PDB file of N, CA and C in Angstrom:
ATOM      1  N   MET A   1      54.701  14.142  -2.240  1.00  0.00           N
ATOM      2  CA  MET A   1      54.339  12.446  -2.219  1.00  0.00           C
ATOM      3  C   MET A   1      55.659  11.892  -2.792  1.00  0.00           C
ATOM      4  N   SER A   2      56.124  10.797  -2.171  1.00  0.00           N
ATOM      5  CA  SER A   2      56.963  10.079  -2.561  1.00  0.00           C
ATOM      6  C   SER A   2      56.507   9.005  -3.564  1.00  0.00           C
ATOM      7  N   ASN A   3      57.379   8.403  -4.632  1.00  0.00           N
ATOM      8  CA  ASN A   3      56.979   7.535  -5.618  1.00  0.00           C
ATOM      9  C   ASN A   3      57.213   6.190  -4.652  1.00  0.00           C
ATOM     10  N   PRO A   4      56.355   5.495  -5.165  1.00  0.00           N
ATOM     11  CA  PRO A   4      56.170   4.057  -4.271  1.00  0.00           C
ATOM     12  C   PRO A   4      57.638   3.139  -4.698  1.00  0.00           C
ATOM     13  N   GLU A   5      58.219   3.485  -5.862  1.00  0.00           N
ATOM     14  CA  GLU A   5      59.230   2.615  -6.382  1.00  0.00           C
ATOM     15  C   GLU A   5      60.413   3.113  -5.567  1.00  0.00           C
ATOM     16  N   GLN A   6      60.237   4.270  -5.124  1.00  0.00           N
ATOM     17  CA  GLN A   6      61.480   4.851  -4.341  1.00  0.00           C
ATOM     18  C   GLN A   6      61.411   4.341  -2.910  1.00  0.00           C
ATOM     19  N   ILE A   7      60.285   3.918  -2.189  1.00  0.00           N
ATOM     20  CA  ILE A   7      60.341   3.124  -1.034  1.00  0.00           C
ATOM     21  C   ILE A   7      61.294   2.209  -0.817  1.00  0.00           C
ATOM     22  N   GLN A   8      62.083   2.359   0.193  1.00  0.00           N
ATOM     23  CA  GLN A   8      63.095   1.327   0.624  1.00  0.00           C
ATOM     24  C   GLN A   8      62.368   0.169   0.960  1.00  0.00           C
ATOM     25  N   GLU A   9      62.485  -0.972   0.522  1.00  0.00           N
ATOM     26  CA  GLU A   9      61.955  -2.361   1.113  1.00  0.00           C
ATOM     27  C   GLU A   9      62.933  -2.860   1.960  1.00  0.00           C
ATOM     28  N   HIS A  10      62.805  -3.569   2.870  1.00  0.00           N
ATOM     29  CA  HIS A  10      63.560  -4.528   3.799  1.00  0.00           C
ATOM     30  C   HIS A  10      63.675  -5.888   2.660  1.00  0.00           C
ATOM     31  N   PRO A  11      65.148  -6.265   3.038  1.00  0.00           N
ATOM     32  CA  PRO A  11      65.485  -7.511   2.345  1.00  0.00           C
ATOM     33  C   PRO A  11      64.410  -8.791   2.812  1.00  0.00           C
ATOM     34  N   PRO A  12      64.139  -9.371   2.053  1.00  0.00           N
ATOM     35  CA  PRO A  12      63.261 -10.827   2.190  1.00  0.00           C
ATOM     36  C   PRO A  12      63.868 -11.498   3.593  1.00  0.00           C
ATOM     37  N   VAL A  13      63.177 -11.760   4.608  1.00  0.00           N
ATOM     38  CA  VAL A  13      63.532 -12.442   5.900  1.00  0.00           C
ATOM     39  C   VAL A  13      63.892 -14.138   5.475  1.00  0.00           C
ATOM     40  N   GLU A  14      64.815 -14.389   5.904  1.00  0.00           N
ATOM     41  CA  GLU A  14      65.248 -15.948   5.580  1.00  0.00           C
ATOM     42  C   GLU A  14      64.585 -16.673   6.626  1.00  0.00           C
ATOM     43  N   HIS A  15      63.875 -17.462   6.468  1.00  0.00           N
ATOM     44  CA  HIS A  15      63.072 -18.464   7.286  1.00  0.00           C
ATOM     45  C   HIS A  15      63.968 -19.760   7.299  1.00  0.00           C
ATOM     46  N   ARG A  16      64.447 -20.254   8.384  1.00  0.00           N
ATOM     47  CA  ARG A  16      65.027 -21.658   8.343  1.00  0.00           C
ATOM     48  C   ARG A  16      65.105 -22.105   9.839  1.00  0.00           C
ATOM     49  N   ILE A  17      65.458 -23.203   9.975  1.00  0.00           N
ATOM     50  CA  ILE A  17      65.238 -23.939  11.275  1.00  0.00           C
ATOM     51  C   ILE A  17      66.908 -23.948  11.750  1.00  0.00           C
ATOM     52  N   LEU A  18      66.982 -23.344  13.231  1.00  0.00           N
ATOM     53  CA  LEU A  18      68.215 -23.432  13.914  1.00  0.00           C
ATOM     54  C   LEU A  18      68.204 -24.334  14.641  1.00  0.00           C
ATOM     55  N   ARG A  19      69.345 -25.217  14.706  1.00  0.00           N
ATOM     56  CA  ARG A  19      69.571 -26.078  15.969  1.00  0.00           C
ATOM     57  C   ARG A  19      70.213 -25.237  17.004  1.00  0.00           C
ATOM     58  N   PHE A  20      70.207 -26.165  18.167  1.00  0.00           N
ATOM     59  CA  PHE A  20      70.549 -25.754  19.398  1.00  0.00           C
ATOM     60  C   PHE A  20      71.816 -24.824  19.424  1.00  0.00           C
ATOM     61  N   ASP A  21      72.962 -25.361  18.836  1.00  0.00           N
ATOM     62  CA  ASP A  21      74.298 -24.706  18.796  1.00  0.00           C
ATOM     63  C   ASP A  21      74.159 -23.287  18.120  1.00  0.00           C
ATOM     64  N   GLU A  22      73.330 -23.183  16.928  1.00  0.00           N
ATOM     65  CA  GLU A  22      73.187 -21.795  16.449  1.00  0.00           C
ATOM     66  C   GLU A  22      72.320 -21.039  17.266  1.00  0.00           C
ATOM     67  N   VAL A  23      71.344 -21.681  17.897  1.00  0.00           N
ATOM     68  CA  VAL A  23      70.669 -20.482  18.936  1.00  0.00           C
ATOM     69  C   VAL A  23      71.489 -20.206  20.179  1.00  0.00           C
ATOM     70  N   GLN A  24      72.677 -21.007  20.413  1.00  0.00           N
ATOM     71  CA  GLN A  24      73.300 -20.570  21.846  1.00  0.00           C
ATOM     72  C   GLN A  24      74.432 -19.678  21.279  1.00  0.00           C
ATOM     73  N   ALA A  25      74.632 -19.547  19.656  1.00  0.00           N
ATOM     74  CA  ALA A  25      75.635 -18.786  19.083  1.00  0.00           C
ATOM     75  C   ALA A  25      74.781 -17.266  18.844  1.00  0.00           C
ATOM     76  N   LYS A  26      73.453 -17.325  18.528  1.00  0.00           N
ATOM     77  CA  LYS A  26      72.978 -16.248  18.396  1.00  0.00           C
ATOM     78  C   LYS A  26      72.581 -15.288  19.803  1.00  0.00           C
ATOM     79  N   THR A  27      72.325 -16.058  20.661  1.00  0.00           N
ATOM     80  CA  THR A  27      71.836 -15.469  22.088  1.00  0.00           C
ATOM     81  C   THR A  27      73.058 -15.149  22.919  1.00  0.00           C
ATOM     82  N   GLY A  28      74.038 -15.955  22.877  1.00  0.00           N
ATOM     83  CA  GLY A  28      75.355 -15.754  23.406  1.00  0.00           C
ATOM     84  C   GLY A  28      74.961 -16.603  24.881  1.00  0.00           C
ATOM     85  N   PHE A  29      73.959 -17.233  25.152  1.00  0.00           N
ATOM     86  CA  PHE A  29      73.424 -17.941  26.526  1.00  0.00           C
ATOM     87  C   PHE A  29      74.066 -19.244  26.443  1.00  0.00           C
ATOM     88  N   LYS A  30      74.596 -19.798  27.450  1.00  0.00           N
ATOM     89  CA  LYS A  30      74.910 -21.310  27.432  1.00  0.00           C
ATOM     90  C   LYS A  30      73.863 -22.135  27.525  1.00  0.00           C
ATOM     91  N   ARG A  31      74.014 -23.632  27.368  1.00  0.00           N
ATOM     92  CA  ARG A  31      73.076 -24.481  27.305  1.00  0.00           C
ATOM     93  C   ARG A  31      71.930 -24.453  28.628  1.00  0.00           C
ATOM     94  N   ALA A  32      72.542 -24.315  29.760  1.00  0.00           N
ATOM     95  CA  ALA A  32      71.844 -24.511  31.185  1.00  0.00           C
ATOM     96  C   ALA A  32      71.013 -23.478  31.009  1.00  0.00           C
ATOM     97  N   HIS A  33      71.104 -22.216  30.937  1.00  0.00           N
ATOM     98  CA  HIS A  33      70.224 -20.813  30.846  1.00  0.00           C
ATOM     99  C   HIS A  33      69.167 -21.096  29.892  1.00  0.00           C
ATOM    100  N   LEU A  34      69.662 -21.580  28.513  1.00  0.00           N
ATOM    101  CA  LEU A  34      68.659 -21.579  27.628  1.00  0.00           C
ATOM    102  C   LEU A  34      67.538 -22.833  27.971  1.00  0.00           C
ATOM    103  N   TYR A  35      67.875 -23.940  28.465  1.00  0.00           N
ATOM    104  CA  TYR A  35      67.062 -24.737  28.959  1.00  0.00           C
ATOM    105  C   TYR A  35      66.125 -24.182  30.074  1.00  0.00           C
ATOM    106  N   ASN A  36      66.789 -23.089  30.842  1.00  0.00           N
ATOM    107  CA  ASN A  36      65.653 -22.787  32.034  1.00  0.00           C
ATOM    108  C   ASN A  36      65.068 -21.811  31.393  1.00  0.00           C
ATOM    109  N   LEU A  37      65.496 -21.030  30.241  1.00  0.00           N
ATOM    110  CA  LEU A  37      64.351 -20.219  29.790  1.00  0.00           C
ATOM    111  C   LEU A  37      63.233 -20.832  29.049  1.00  0.00           C
ATOM    112  N   MET A  38      63.486 -21.967  28.330  1.00  0.00           N
ATOM    113  CA  MET A  38      62.629 -22.888  27.513  1.00  0.00           C
ATOM    114  C   MET A  38      61.571 -23.617  28.580  1.00  0.00           C
ATOM    115  N   GLN A  39      62.060 -23.811  30.036  1.00  0.00           N
ATOM    116  CA  GLN A  39      61.249 -24.353  30.998  1.00  0.00           C
ATOM    117  C   GLN A  39      60.170 -23.327  31.414  1.00  0.00           C
ATOM    118  N   LYS A  40      60.778 -21.974  31.553  1.00  0.00           N
ATOM    119  CA  LYS A  40      59.791 -20.934  31.713  1.00  0.00           C
ATOM    120  C   LYS A  40      59.061 -20.351  30.629  1.00  0.00           C
ATOM    121  N   GLY A  41      59.031 -20.750  29.485  1.00  0.00           N
ATOM    122  CA  GLY A  41      58.316 -20.465  28.370  1.00  0.00           C
ATOM    123  C   GLY A  41      58.649 -19.223  27.884  1.00  0.00           C
ATOM    124  N   GLU A  42      60.042 -18.662  28.147  1.00  0.00           N
ATOM    125  CA  GLU A  42      60.554 -17.420  27.933  1.00  0.00           C
ATOM    126  C   GLU A  42      61.091 -17.435  26.555  1.00  0.00           C
ATOM    127  N   LEU A  43      61.508 -18.289  25.717  1.00  0.00           N
ATOM    128  CA  LEU A  43      62.284 -18.579  24.717  1.00  0.00           C
ATOM    129  C   LEU A  43      61.343 -19.055  23.671  1.00  0.00           C
ATOM    130  N   PRO A  44      61.364 -18.622  22.679  1.00  0.00           N
ATOM    131  CA  PRO A  44      60.302 -19.081  21.367  1.00  0.00           C
ATOM    132  C   PRO A  44      60.174 -20.710  21.237  1.00  0.00           C
ATOM    133  N   ARG A  45      59.311 -21.118  20.938  1.00  0.00           N
ATOM    134  CA  ARG A  45      58.679 -22.748  21.102  1.00  0.00           C
ATOM    135  C   ARG A  45      59.704 -23.236  20.041  1.00  0.00           C
ATOM    136  N   THR A  46      59.916 -24.652  20.142  1.00  0.00           N
ATOM    137  CA  THR A  46      60.725 -25.215  19.374  1.00  0.00           C
ATOM    138  C   THR A  46      59.721 -26.022  18.383  1.00  0.00           C
ATOM    139  N   VAL A  47      60.302 -26.508  17.455  1.00  0.00           N
ATOM    140  CA  VAL A  47      59.834 -27.021  16.184  1.00  0.00           C
ATOM    141  C   VAL A  47      60.145 -28.671  15.907  1.00  0.00           C
ATOM    142  N   ARG A  48      59.357 -29.505  16.177  1.00  0.00           N
ATOM    143  CA  ARG A  48      59.694 -30.837  16.173  1.00  0.00           C
ATOM    144  C   ARG A  48      60.261 -31.334  14.850  1.00  0.00           C
ATOM    145  N   LEU A  49      61.349 -31.739  14.589  1.00  0.00           N
ATOM    146  CA  LEU A  49      62.189 -32.363  13.322  1.00  0.00           C
ATOM    147  C   LEU A  49      61.854 -33.622  13.106  1.00  0.00           C
ATOM    148  N   GLY A  50      61.903 -34.302  14.373  1.00  0.00           N
ATOM    149  CA  GLY A  50      61.935 -35.698  14.167  1.00  0.00           C
ATOM    150  C   GLY A  50      61.628 -36.482  15.280  1.00  0.00           C
ATOM    151  N   VAL A  51      62.013 -37.440  15.751  1.00  0.00           N
ATOM    152  CA  VAL A  51      61.798 -38.121  17.188  1.00  0.00           C
ATOM    153  C   VAL A  51      62.607 -37.703  18.169  1.00  0.00           C
ATOM    154  N   ARG A  52      63.737 -37.427  17.957  1.00  0.00           N
ATOM    155  CA  ARG A  52      64.599 -36.730  19.000  1.00  0.00           C
ATOM    156  C   ARG A  52      65.362 -35.577  18.519  1.00  0.00           C
ATOM    157  N   ALA A  53      64.769 -34.866  17.407  1.00  0.00           N
ATOM    158  CA  ALA A  53      65.260 -33.575  16.935  1.00  0.00           C
ATOM    159  C   ALA A  53      64.224 -32.326  17.053  1.00  0.00           C
ATOM    160  N   VAL A  54      64.842 -31.296  17.599  1.00  0.00           N
ATOM    161  CA  VAL A  54      64.219 -30.287  17.595  1.00  0.00           C
ATOM    162  C   VAL A  54      64.821 -28.936  17.130  1.00  0.00           C
ATOM    163  N   GLY A  55      64.253 -28.068  16.463  1.00  0.00           N
ATOM    164  CA  GLY A  55      64.821 -26.711  16.037  1.00  0.00           C
ATOM    165  C   GLY A  55      64.074 -25.443  16.496  1.00  0.00           C
ATOM    166  N   TRP A  56      64.369 -24.323  16.123  1.00  0.00           N
ATOM    167  CA  TRP A  56      63.851 -23.087  16.264  1.00  0.00           C
ATOM    168  C   TRP A  56      63.709 -22.440  14.939  1.00  0.00           C
ATOM    169  N   ASN A  57      62.644 -21.768  14.573  1.00  0.00           N
ATOM    170  CA  ASN A  57      62.264 -20.882  13.645  1.00  0.00           C
ATOM    171  C   ASN A  57      63.140 -19.879  13.872  1.00  0.00           C
ATOM    172  N   SER A  58      64.174 -19.357  12.816  1.00  0.00           N
ATOM    173  CA  SER A  58      65.304 -18.388  12.908  1.00  0.00           C
ATOM    174  C   SER A  58      64.537 -17.081  12.988  1.00  0.00           C
ATOM    175  N   VAL A  59      63.574 -16.798  12.252  1.00  0.00           N
ATOM    176  CA  VAL A  59      62.645 -15.243  12.572  1.00  0.00           C
ATOM    177  C   VAL A  59      62.167 -14.941  13.999  1.00  0.00           C
ATOM    178  N   GLU A  60      61.747 -15.953  14.620  1.00  0.00           N
ATOM    179  CA  GLU A  60      61.477 -16.133  15.990  1.00  0.00           C
ATOM    180  C   GLU A  60      62.487 -15.780  16.993  1.00  0.00           C
ATOM    181  N   VAL A  61      63.516 -16.409  16.730  1.00  0.00           N
ATOM    182  CA  VAL A  61      64.646 -16.221  17.525  1.00  0.00           C
ATOM    183  C   VAL A  61      65.273 -14.936  17.249  1.00  0.00           C
ATOM    184  N   GLU A  62      65.447 -14.546  16.007  1.00  0.00           N
ATOM    185  CA  GLU A  62      65.937 -13.207  15.922  1.00  0.00           C
ATOM    186  C   GLU A  62      64.977 -11.989  16.316  1.00  0.00           C
ATOM    187  N   GLN A  63      63.716 -12.275  16.321  1.00  0.00           N
ATOM    188  CA  GLN A  63      62.814 -11.222  16.843  1.00  0.00           C
ATOM    189  C   GLN A  63      63.060 -11.147  18.465  1.00  0.00           C
ATOM    190  N   TRP A  64      63.130 -12.423  18.942  1.00  0.00           N
ATOM    191  CA  TRP A  64      63.326 -12.421  20.379  1.00  0.00           C
ATOM    192  C   TRP A  64      64.568 -11.795  21.050  1.00  0.00           C
ATOM    193  N   VAL A  65      65.629 -12.058  20.160  1.00  0.00           N
ATOM    194  CA  VAL A  65      67.007 -11.407  20.419  1.00  0.00           C
ATOM    195  C   VAL A  65      66.818  -9.795  20.294  1.00  0.00           C
ATOM    196  N   LEU A  66      66.210  -9.192  19.117  1.00  0.00           N
ATOM    197  CA  LEU A  66      65.840  -7.922  19.077  1.00  0.00           C
ATOM    198  C   LEU A  66      65.178  -7.314  20.304  1.00  0.00           C
ATOM    199  N   GLU A  67      64.255  -7.947  20.691  1.00  0.00           N
ATOM    200  CA  GLU A  67      63.096  -7.423  21.745  1.00  0.00           C
ATOM    201  C   GLU A  67      63.851  -7.465  23.265  1.00  0.00           C
ATOM    202  N   ARG A  68      64.785  -8.454  23.588  1.00  0.00           N
ATOM    203  CA  ARG A  68      65.639  -8.386  24.633  1.00  0.00           C
ATOM    204  C   ARG A  68      66.518  -7.381  24.405  1.00  0.00           C
ATOM    205  N   LEU A  69      67.386  -6.974  23.224  1.00  0.00           N
ATOM    206  CA  LEU A  69      68.060  -5.827  23.456  1.00  0.00           C
ATOM    207  C   LEU A  69      67.523  -4.291  23.510  1.00  0.00           C
ATOM    208  N   ALA A  70      66.215  -4.481  23.045  1.00  0.00           N
ATOM    209  CA  ALA A  70      65.471  -3.248  23.072  1.00  0.00           C
ATOM    210  C   ALA A  70      65.047  -2.781  24.509  1.00  0.00           C
ATOM    211  N   ARG A  71      64.906  -3.958  25.291  1.00  0.00           N
ATOM    212  CA  ARG A  71      64.581  -3.857  26.640  1.00  0.00           C
ATOM    213  C   ARG A  71      65.764  -3.228  27.622  1.00  0.00           C
ATOM    214  N   GLN A  72      67.086  -3.384  26.886  1.00  0.00           N
ATOM    215  CA  GLN A  72      68.352  -2.978  27.635  1.00  0.00           C
ATOM    216  C   GLN A  72      68.718  -1.490  27.635  1.00  0.00           C
ATOM    217  N   VAL A  73      68.038  -0.890  26.539  1.00  0.00           N
ATOM    218  CA  VAL A  73      68.393   0.572  26.376  1.00  0.00           C
ATOM    219  C   VAL A  73      67.179   1.426  27.194  1.00  0.00           C
TER     220      VAL A  73
END
């Protein structure tokens, strides 16, 4: 039986808002392809930050990237 104190915990996940340039860098996709994915509903939804500003939840984008990588294997 393992001691609960010995169980490795994952580091806390950093929740933050990513702007478009950061999403481009994380995904490796160009602007046009990201807009196509958004139009198809295949990219995580944006969060409205203001009248003309949106961003993405960093955790959702990271999970989306990991899921796409897992499908490649």
